Amino acid sequence: MPADIRPARAEDLPVLLALYRHLNTADPTPPPDLTRVAWQAMLAQPGLTVSWPNRQASLSPPAP
């Protein structure tokens, strides 16, 4: 089954930050304004596409 992905959007930031905190529990939480500005800059970067799963897509591997 092909992956159902799309370009990331500004509203994906909270989920991305939650994943980052889950994977890097020892890292301090960055200031919200700083993360929002950095995320917007990334999304606006010409030639850069951040791939993101559609909400309906499953991140689990398919059953055997």
Protein backbone atom coordinates (compact mmCIF):
# COMPACT_ATOMS: atom_id res chain seq x y z
CA MET A 1 0.00 0.00 0.00
CA PRO A 2 1.54 3.34 -0.99
CA ALA A 3 2.13 5.94 1.68
CA ASP A 4 -0.40 8.76 1.87
CA ILE A 5 1.79 11.81 2.39
CA ARG A 6 1.46 15.52 1.72
CA PRO A 7 3.54 18.65 2.23
CA ALA A 8 3.61 19.78 5.87
CA ARG A 9 1.58 22.81 6.92
CA ALA A 10 1.87 25.34 9.73
CA GLU A 11 -0.79 23.55 11.79
CA ASP A 12 1.36 20.37 11.88
CA LEU A 13 3.87 22.00 14.25
CA PRO A 14 2.25 20.87 17.55
CA VAL A 15 2.33 17.22 16.47
CA LEU A 16 5.92 17.54 15.27
CA LEU A 17 6.96 19.08 18.60
CA ALA A 18 5.18 16.32 20.54
CA LEU A 19 7.04 13.69 18.51
CA TYR A 20 10.34 15.49 19.06
CA ARG A 21 9.72 15.67 22.83
CA HIS A 22 8.87 11.96 22.85
CA LEU A 23 12.08 11.06 21.02
CA ASN A 24 14.33 13.54 22.86
CA THR A 25 13.04 13.61 26.42
CA ALA A 26 16.20 15.18 27.84
CA ASP A 27 16.14 18.19 25.52
CA PRO A 28 14.67 21.42 26.87
CA THR A 29 11.41 22.64 25.35
CA PRO A 30 12.18 25.52 22.99
CA PRO A 31 10.21 28.77 23.27
CA PRO A 32 6.93 28.55 21.28
CA ASP A 33 7.57 31.79 19.38
CA LEU A 34 11.00 30.58 18.29
CA THR A 35 9.69 27.22 17.08
CA ARG A 36 6.81 28.84 15.20
CA VAL A 37 9.16 31.28 13.41
CA ALA A 38 11.65 28.52 12.54
CA TRP A 39 8.88 26.21 11.24
CA GLN A 40 7.39 28.98 9.09
CA ALA A 41 10.85 29.74 7.68
CA MET A 42 11.38 26.07 6.81
CA LEU A 43 7.99 25.80 5.11
CA ALA A 44 8.67 28.97 3.09
CA GLN A 45 12.12 27.83 1.94
CA PRO A 46 12.14 27.50 -1.88
CA GLY A 47 12.90 23.97 -2.99
CA LEU A 48 12.30 22.43 0.45
CA THR A 49 9.31 20.19 1.06
CA VAL A 50 8.72 18.63 4.46
CA SER A 51 6.76 15.41 3.88
CA TRP A 52 3.96 14.70 6.32
CA PRO A 53 1.53 11.79 6.65
CA ASN A 54 -2.13 12.54 6.06
CA ARG A 55 -4.13 12.12 9.25
CA GLN A 56 -5.87 9.11 7.76
CA ALA A 57 -2.59 7.38 7.04
CA SER A 58 -1.37 4.73 9.43
CA LEU A 59 2.18 4.96 10.69
CA SER A 60 2.12 1.30 11.67
CA PRO A 61 3.67 -1.33 9.42
CA PRO A 62 1.18 -3.51 7.56
CA ALA A 63 0.21 -6.77 9.19
CA PRO A 64 1.97 -9.85 7.77
